Amino acid sequence: MNYPRVGIGVLIFNNKNLLLGQRLGEHGHLTWGPPGGHLESGETFEMCAIRETKEETGLVISSPKVFVITNDVFEQERKHYVSIFLKAEYPCNQTIHIMEQNKVVSWQWFSLHSLPEPLFLPLDHIIKNKGYFMNNSQQLIMI
């Protein structure tokens, strides 16, 4: 039996711009998405977000906060993920690098009002309000 996997995405903001990379991975090929990857056994969401961000961009982020959760079925790839997104501020004294050239074409900043297409499915779900967002009282609410 196939079970959903847990994916972690990191929404890194620099003012009102969002860091996105064009993916080269086996699912979501050539779509735009944030840094992220699989949650490993024993990791907290925050530990995974920090690790994946460093592995993919070279950035060392601090204090990422859980922001939204999406339920993502990739029909063509026959994969199912629960994606947990954390928000983090851009550590402005650091430079972004392409650390895994086999996984991303480039990292670029985009205004939230002019995001590139196509978007990675979990990010698309956030934009279309198909996620479970954290509110100020730390309860999950669906928008």
N, C-alpha and C. Protein backbone atom coordinates (compact mmCIF):
# COMPACT_ATOMS: atom_id res chain seq x y z
N MET A 1 0.84 -1.20 0.00
CA MET A 1 0.00 0.00 0.00
C MET A 1 0.88 1.25 0.00
N ASN A 2 0.50 2.20 -0.80
CA ASN A 2 1.21 3.48 -0.86
C ASN A 2 0.64 4.44 0.16
N TYR A 3 1.52 5.07 0.93
CA TYR A 3 1.10 6.06 1.91
C TYR A 3 1.62 7.43 1.49
N PRO A 4 0.92 8.48 1.89
CA PRO A 4 1.44 9.82 1.60
C PRO A 4 2.77 10.05 2.30
N ARG A 5 3.63 10.81 1.65
CA ARG A 5 4.89 11.23 2.26
C ARG A 5 4.73 12.64 2.80
N VAL A 6 5.64 13.03 3.68
CA VAL A 6 5.62 14.38 4.23
C VAL A 6 6.69 15.21 3.54
N GLY A 7 6.25 16.29 2.92
CA GLY A 7 7.17 17.23 2.29
C GLY A 7 7.21 18.52 3.08
N ILE A 8 8.37 19.15 3.10
CA ILE A 8 8.53 20.43 3.77
C ILE A 8 8.90 21.47 2.71
N GLY A 9 8.20 22.59 2.71
CA GLY A 9 8.52 23.70 1.83
C GLY A 9 8.86 24.91 2.67
N VAL A 10 9.77 25.75 2.17
CA VAL A 10 10.21 26.91 2.93
C VAL A 10 9.93 28.18 2.12
N LEU A 11 9.00 28.98 2.61
CA LEU A 11 8.64 30.23 1.96
C LEU A 11 9.54 31.32 2.53
N ILE A 12 10.56 31.68 1.75
CA ILE A 12 11.54 32.68 2.19
C ILE A 12 11.17 34.01 1.56
N PHE A 13 10.96 34.99 2.42
CA PHE A 13 10.53 36.31 1.97
C PHE A 13 11.64 37.34 2.15
N ASN A 14 11.75 38.21 1.15
CA ASN A 14 12.62 39.38 1.20
C ASN A 14 11.70 40.55 0.90
N ASN A 15 11.26 41.23 1.95
CA ASN A 15 10.18 42.21 1.85
C ASN A 15 8.95 41.48 1.35
N LYS A 16 8.40 41.87 0.20
CA LYS A 16 7.20 41.21 -0.30
C LYS A 16 7.52 40.25 -1.44
N ASN A 17 8.79 39.91 -1.62
CA ASN A 17 9.19 38.99 -2.68
C ASN A 17 9.45 37.61 -2.10
N LEU A 18 9.16 36.59 -2.92
CA LEU A 18 9.27 35.20 -2.52
C LEU A 18 10.35 34.52 -3.34
N LEU A 19 11.20 33.73 -2.69
CA LEU A 19 12.26 33.00 -3.37
C LEU A 19 11.71 31.70 -3.94
N LEU A 20 11.86 31.54 -5.27
CA LEU A 20 11.40 30.32 -5.95
C LEU A 20 12.48 29.82 -6.88
N GLY A 21 12.50 28.50 -7.05
CA GLY A 21 13.41 27.88 -7.99
C GLY A 21 12.64 27.07 -9.01
N GLN A 22 13.18 27.00 -10.23
CA GLN A 22 12.55 26.17 -11.26
C GLN A 22 13.09 24.75 -11.10
N ARG A 23 12.18 23.82 -10.83
CA ARG A 23 12.52 22.46 -10.44
C ARG A 23 12.96 21.59 -11.62
N LEU A 24 13.89 20.69 -11.33
CA LEU A 24 14.31 19.69 -12.30
C LEU A 24 14.01 18.28 -11.80
N GLY A 25 13.34 18.15 -10.66
CA GLY A 25 13.09 16.86 -10.05
C GLY A 25 12.12 16.00 -10.83
N GLU A 26 11.97 14.77 -10.35
CA GLU A 26 11.12 13.81 -11.07
C GLU A 26 9.65 14.18 -11.02
N HIS A 27 9.20 14.83 -9.98
CA HIS A 27 7.83 15.34 -10.02
C HIS A 27 7.86 16.86 -9.90
N GLY A 28 6.96 17.47 -10.65
CA GLY A 28 6.96 18.93 -10.70
C GLY A 28 8.04 19.47 -11.62
N HIS A 29 8.49 18.68 -12.58
CA HIS A 29 9.56 19.08 -13.48
C HIS A 29 9.23 20.41 -14.17
N LEU A 30 10.17 21.36 -14.08
CA LEU A 30 10.09 22.71 -14.66
C LEU A 30 9.00 23.59 -14.07
N THR A 31 8.44 23.20 -12.94
CA THR A 31 7.53 24.09 -12.22
C THR A 31 8.36 24.91 -11.24
N TRP A 32 7.75 25.99 -10.74
CA TRP A 32 8.43 26.88 -9.81
C TRP A 32 7.96 26.60 -8.38
N GLY A 33 8.93 26.41 -7.49
CA GLY A 33 8.59 26.14 -6.11
C GLY A 33 9.67 26.63 -5.16
N PRO A 34 9.36 26.64 -3.88
CA PRO A 34 10.34 27.09 -2.88
C PRO A 34 11.31 25.97 -2.52
N PRO A 35 12.37 26.29 -1.79
CA PRO A 35 13.24 25.24 -1.28
C PRO A 35 12.43 24.26 -0.43
N GLY A 36 12.88 23.03 -0.39
CA GLY A 36 12.19 22.05 0.45
C GLY A 36 12.56 20.64 0.09
N GLY A 37 11.97 19.70 0.80
CA GLY A 37 12.25 18.30 0.56
C GLY A 37 11.50 17.42 1.52
N HIS A 38 11.98 16.21 1.68
CA HIS A 38 11.32 15.22 2.53
C HIS A 38 11.70 15.37 4.00
N LEU A 39 10.71 15.24 4.85
CA LEU A 39 10.95 15.18 6.29
C LEU A 39 11.62 13.84 6.60
N GLU A 40 12.74 13.89 7.30
CA GLU A 40 13.45 12.66 7.66
C GLU A 40 13.03 12.21 9.05
N SER A 41 13.19 10.92 9.30
CA SER A 41 12.81 10.34 10.58
C SER A 41 13.51 11.06 11.73
N GLY A 42 12.74 11.46 12.73
CA GLY A 42 13.28 12.12 13.91
C GLY A 42 13.44 13.62 13.79
N GLU A 43 13.23 14.19 12.60
CA GLU A 43 13.37 15.63 12.41
C GLU A 43 12.11 16.37 12.81
N THR A 44 12.29 17.57 13.33
CA THR A 44 11.16 18.48 13.49
C THR A 44 10.96 19.17 12.14
N PHE A 45 9.80 19.79 11.96
CA PHE A 45 9.55 20.54 10.73
C PHE A 45 10.60 21.64 10.57
N GLU A 46 10.92 22.31 11.67
CA GLU A 46 11.88 23.42 11.64
C GLU A 46 13.28 22.93 11.26
N MET A 47 13.71 21.80 11.83
CA MET A 47 15.02 21.24 11.50
C MET A 47 15.10 20.90 10.02
N CYS A 48 14.05 20.30 9.49
CA CYS A 48 14.02 19.94 8.08
C CYS A 48 14.08 21.19 7.20
N ALA A 49 13.31 22.22 7.56
CA ALA A 49 13.31 23.46 6.78
C ALA A 49 14.70 24.08 6.74
N ILE A 50 15.38 24.11 7.88
CA ILE A 50 16.73 24.68 7.94
C ILE A 50 17.70 23.84 7.11
N ARG A 51 17.62 22.51 7.25
CA ARG A 51 18.52 21.62 6.50
C ARG A 51 18.29 21.72 4.99
N GLU A 52 17.04 21.62 4.56
CA GLU A 52 16.75 21.65 3.13
C GLU A 52 17.12 22.99 2.50
N THR A 53 16.86 24.08 3.21
CA THR A 53 17.22 25.40 2.68
C THR A 53 18.73 25.51 2.48
N LYS A 54 19.49 25.04 3.45
CA LYS A 54 20.96 25.09 3.32
C LYS A 54 21.44 24.18 2.20
N GLU A 55 20.89 22.96 2.11
CA GLU A 55 21.29 22.03 1.07
C GLU A 55 21.01 22.56 -0.34
N GLU A 56 19.91 23.29 -0.50
CA GLU A 56 19.49 23.71 -1.83
C GLU A 56 19.96 25.11 -2.22
N THR A 57 20.08 26.01 -1.23
CA THR A 57 20.40 27.41 -1.55
C THR A 57 21.67 27.92 -0.90
N GLY A 58 22.20 27.19 0.08
CA GLY A 58 23.36 27.66 0.83
C GLY A 58 23.00 28.63 1.94
N LEU A 59 21.73 29.04 2.00
CA LEU A 59 21.29 29.99 3.04
C LEU A 59 21.11 29.28 4.38
N VAL A 60 21.49 29.97 5.44
CA VAL A 60 21.24 29.49 6.80
C VAL A 60 20.13 30.35 7.37
N ILE A 61 18.94 29.77 7.46
CA ILE A 61 17.79 30.50 8.00
C ILE A 61 17.66 30.20 9.48
N SER A 62 16.92 31.06 10.18
CA SER A 62 16.67 30.82 11.59
C SER A 62 15.20 31.05 11.88
N SER A 63 14.71 30.35 12.85
CA SER A 63 13.34 30.51 13.36
C SER A 63 12.24 30.41 12.30
N PRO A 64 12.28 29.38 11.43
CA PRO A 64 11.15 29.23 10.51
C PRO A 64 9.89 28.88 11.29
N LYS A 65 8.75 29.36 10.82
CA LYS A 65 7.47 29.14 11.51
C LYS A 65 6.48 28.43 10.59
N VAL A 66 5.79 27.43 11.12
CA VAL A 66 4.78 26.73 10.33
C VAL A 66 3.71 27.72 9.91
N PHE A 67 3.37 27.69 8.61
CA PHE A 67 2.45 28.66 8.04
C PHE A 67 1.20 28.02 7.45
N VAL A 68 1.38 26.96 6.66
CA VAL A 68 0.25 26.35 5.97
C VAL A 68 0.57 24.89 5.65
N ILE A 69 -0.48 24.09 5.58
CA ILE A 69 -0.35 22.67 5.23
C ILE A 69 -1.25 22.41 4.03
N THR A 70 -0.71 21.67 3.05
CA THR A 70 -1.51 21.31 1.87
C THR A 70 -1.54 19.80 1.72
N ASN A 71 -2.58 19.32 1.06
CA ASN A 71 -2.76 17.90 0.75
C ASN A 71 -2.65 17.78 -0.77
N ASP A 72 -1.58 17.14 -1.26
CA ASP A 72 -1.23 17.22 -2.67
C ASP A 72 -1.14 15.84 -3.33
N VAL A 73 -2.03 15.62 -4.30
CA VAL A 73 -2.01 14.38 -5.07
C VAL A 73 -1.49 14.72 -6.46
N PHE A 74 -0.34 14.16 -6.79
CA PHE A 74 0.27 14.32 -8.11
C PHE A 74 -0.23 13.16 -8.97
N GLU A 75 -1.27 13.43 -9.75
CA GLU A 75 -1.94 12.38 -10.53
C GLU A 75 -0.98 11.68 -11.48
N GLN A 76 -0.28 12.43 -12.33
CA GLN A 76 0.60 11.83 -13.33
C GLN A 76 1.70 10.99 -12.71
N GLU A 77 2.28 11.48 -11.63
CA GLU A 77 3.41 10.79 -11.00
C GLU A 77 2.95 9.71 -10.02
N ARG A 78 1.64 9.69 -9.75
CA ARG A 78 1.07 8.73 -8.80
C ARG A 78 1.74 8.85 -7.43
N LYS A 79 1.83 10.10 -6.97
CA LYS A 79 2.42 10.39 -5.66
C LYS A 79 1.44 11.23 -4.85
N HIS A 80 1.53 11.07 -3.55
CA HIS A 80 0.65 11.81 -2.64
C HIS A 80 1.53 12.34 -1.51
N TYR A 81 1.43 13.65 -1.28
CA TYR A 81 2.21 14.31 -0.23
C TYR A 81 1.30 15.13 0.67
N VAL A 82 1.64 15.17 1.93
CA VAL A 82 1.16 16.20 2.84
C VAL A 82 2.33 17.16 2.94
N SER A 83 2.11 18.40 2.51
CA SER A 83 3.19 19.38 2.45
C SER A 83 3.01 20.42 3.56
N ILE A 84 4.05 20.58 4.34
CA ILE A 84 4.03 21.52 5.45
C ILE A 84 4.97 22.67 5.08
N PHE A 85 4.40 23.87 4.99
CA PHE A 85 5.18 25.04 4.61
C PHE A 85 5.49 25.88 5.82
N LEU A 86 6.74 26.31 5.90
CA LEU A 86 7.18 27.21 6.95
C LEU A 86 7.61 28.52 6.30
N LYS A 87 7.43 29.62 7.02
CA LYS A 87 7.85 30.94 6.56
C LYS A 87 9.17 31.29 7.23
N ALA A 88 10.03 31.98 6.47
CA ALA A 88 11.29 32.46 7.03
C ALA A 88 11.66 33.76 6.33
N GLU A 89 12.38 34.60 7.04
CA GLU A 89 12.89 35.84 6.45
C GLU A 89 14.24 35.56 5.80
N TYR A 90 14.51 36.26 4.70
CA TYR A 90 15.78 36.13 4.00
C TYR A 90 16.90 36.67 4.88
N PRO A 91 17.91 35.84 5.14
CA PRO A 91 19.07 36.34 5.89
C PRO A 91 19.93 37.19 4.96
N CYS A 92 19.68 38.50 4.94
CA CYS A 92 20.18 39.40 3.90
C CYS A 92 21.69 39.51 3.79
N ASN A 93 22.43 39.04 4.77
CA ASN A 93 23.88 39.10 4.66
C ASN A 93 24.45 37.85 3.99
N GLN A 94 23.57 37.03 3.41
CA GLN A 94 24.00 35.78 2.78
C GLN A 94 23.66 35.79 1.28
N THR A 95 24.41 35.00 0.53
CA THR A 95 24.22 34.90 -0.91
C THR A 95 23.54 33.59 -1.24
N ILE A 96 22.61 33.64 -2.18
CA ILE A 96 21.90 32.44 -2.63
C ILE A 96 22.74 31.74 -3.70
N HIS A 97 22.87 30.43 -3.56
CA HIS A 97 23.63 29.62 -4.51
C HIS A 97 22.76 28.47 -5.01
N ILE A 98 23.08 27.98 -6.19
CA ILE A 98 22.45 26.75 -6.68
C ILE A 98 23.35 25.61 -6.18
N MET A 99 22.94 24.97 -5.11
CA MET A 99 23.76 23.95 -4.48
C MET A 99 23.55 22.57 -5.12
N GLU A 100 22.38 22.34 -5.68
CA GLU A 100 22.05 21.06 -6.30
C GLU A 100 21.64 21.32 -7.75
N GLN A 101 22.63 21.38 -8.63
CA GLN A 101 22.37 21.75 -10.02
C GLN A 101 21.51 20.73 -10.76
N ASN A 102 21.41 19.54 -10.23
CA ASN A 102 20.56 18.52 -10.86
C ASN A 102 19.10 18.63 -10.39
N LYS A 103 18.82 19.56 -9.46
CA LYS A 103 17.46 19.68 -8.93
C LYS A 103 16.79 21.02 -9.20
N VAL A 104 17.57 22.05 -9.55
CA VAL A 104 16.98 23.37 -9.77
C VAL A 104 17.76 24.12 -10.86
N VAL A 105 17.03 24.81 -11.73
CA VAL A 105 17.64 25.59 -12.81
C VAL A 105 18.22 26.89 -12.25
N SER A 106 17.41 27.61 -11.47
CA SER A 106 17.85 28.89 -10.89
C SER A 106 16.95 29.25 -9.72
N TRP A 107 17.47 30.13 -8.85
CA TRP A 107 16.69 30.73 -7.77
C TRP A 107 16.45 32.17 -8.14
N GLN A 108 15.18 32.61 -8.01
CA GLN A 108 14.84 33.99 -8.34
C GLN A 108 13.81 34.52 -7.35
N TRP A 109 13.78 35.84 -7.20
CA TRP A 109 12.80 36.51 -6.36
C TRP A 109 11.60 36.92 -7.22
N PHE A 110 10.40 36.71 -6.69
CA PHE A 110 9.18 37.08 -7.40
C PHE A 110 8.24 37.83 -6.47
N SER A 111 7.61 38.85 -7.01
CA SER A 111 6.56 39.54 -6.29
C SER A 111 5.39 38.58 -6.13
N LEU A 112 4.70 38.67 -5.00
CA LEU A 112 3.52 37.83 -4.81
C LEU A 112 2.42 38.15 -5.81
N HIS A 113 2.53 39.32 -6.46
CA HIS A 113 1.53 39.72 -7.45
C HIS A 113 1.90 39.30 -8.86
N SER A 114 3.09 38.75 -9.05
CA SER A 114 3.48 38.30 -10.38
C SER A 114 4.35 37.04 -10.29
N LEU A 115 3.74 35.97 -9.81
CA LEU A 115 4.45 34.71 -9.68
C LEU A 115 4.58 34.03 -11.04
N PRO A 116 5.66 33.27 -11.24
CA PRO A 116 5.87 32.60 -12.52
C PRO A 116 4.92 31.41 -12.67
N GLU A 117 4.83 30.91 -13.87
CA GLU A 117 4.02 29.71 -14.13
C GLU A 117 4.85 28.74 -14.95
N PRO A 118 4.58 27.46 -14.80
CA PRO A 118 3.63 26.86 -13.87
C PRO A 118 4.24 26.75 -12.47
N LEU A 119 3.36 26.81 -11.47
CA LEU A 119 3.78 26.66 -10.07
C LEU A 119 3.77 25.19 -9.68
N PHE A 120 4.67 24.82 -8.77
CA PHE A 120 4.69 23.50 -8.16
C PHE A 120 3.34 23.28 -7.47
N LEU A 121 2.75 22.11 -7.63
CA LEU A 121 1.38 21.85 -7.17
C LEU A 121 1.11 22.30 -5.73
N PRO A 122 1.95 21.96 -4.75
CA PRO A 122 1.65 22.43 -3.38
C PRO A 122 1.60 23.96 -3.26
N LEU A 123 2.50 24.66 -3.95
CA LEU A 123 2.48 26.12 -3.93
C LEU A 123 1.23 26.64 -4.64
N ASP A 124 0.85 26.00 -5.72
CA ASP A 124 -0.37 26.37 -6.43
C ASP A 124 -1.58 26.23 -5.50
N HIS A 125 -1.60 25.17 -4.69
CA HIS A 125 -2.70 24.98 -3.74
C HIS A 125 -2.76 26.12 -2.73
N ILE A 126 -1.60 26.61 -2.29
CA ILE A 126 -1.60 27.75 -1.36
C ILE A 126 -2.19 28.98 -2.03
N ILE A 127 -1.73 29.26 -3.25
CA ILE A 127 -2.19 30.44 -3.97
C ILE A 127 -3.70 30.39 -4.20
N LYS A 128 -4.22 29.20 -4.44
CA LYS A 128 -5.66 29.04 -4.70
C LYS A 128 -6.46 28.81 -3.41
N ASN A 129 -5.82 29.09 -2.27
CA ASN A 129 -6.48 28.95 -0.96
C ASN A 129 -7.01 27.56 -0.70
N LYS A 130 -6.26 26.56 -1.13
CA LYS A 130 -6.65 25.17 -0.87
C LYS A 130 -5.76 24.57 0.21
N GLY A 131 -5.38 25.40 1.17
CA GLY A 131 -4.51 24.92 2.23
C GLY A 131 -5.14 25.12 3.59
N TYR A 132 -4.51 24.58 4.59
CA TYR A 132 -4.92 24.73 5.98
C TYR A 132 -3.93 25.69 6.63
N PHE A 133 -4.38 26.92 6.86
CA PHE A 133 -3.49 27.98 7.33
C PHE A 133 -3.51 28.08 8.84
N MET A 134 -2.36 28.47 9.40
CA MET A 134 -2.27 28.70 10.84
C MET A 134 -2.74 30.13 11.10
N ASN A 135 -3.59 30.30 12.11
CA ASN A 135 -3.98 31.66 12.46
C ASN A 135 -3.21 32.08 13.71
N ASN A 136 -3.49 33.25 14.22
CA ASN A 136 -2.71 33.78 15.35
C ASN A 136 -2.83 32.94 16.60
N SER A 137 -3.93 32.19 16.76
CA SER A 137 -4.06 31.37 17.96
C SER A 137 -3.47 29.98 17.76
N GLN A 138 -2.73 29.79 16.65
CA GLN A 138 -2.07 28.52 16.35
C GLN A 138 -3.06 27.37 16.15
N GLN A 139 -4.26 27.66 15.68
CA GLN A 139 -5.21 26.62 15.31
C GLN A 139 -5.24 26.54 13.80
N LEU A 140 -5.48 25.33 13.30
CA LEU A 140 -5.61 25.19 11.86
C LEU A 140 -6.98 25.66 11.42
N ILE A 141 -7.00 26.47 10.38
CA ILE A 141 -8.26 26.88 9.79
C ILE A 141 -8.15 26.70 8.28
N MET A 142 -9.22 26.37 7.64
CA MET A 142 -9.21 26.21 6.19
C MET A 142 -9.75 27.46 5.55
N ILE A 143 -9.02 27.93 4.53
CA ILE A 143 -9.48 29.10 3.78
C ILE A 143 -9.86 28.64 2.39
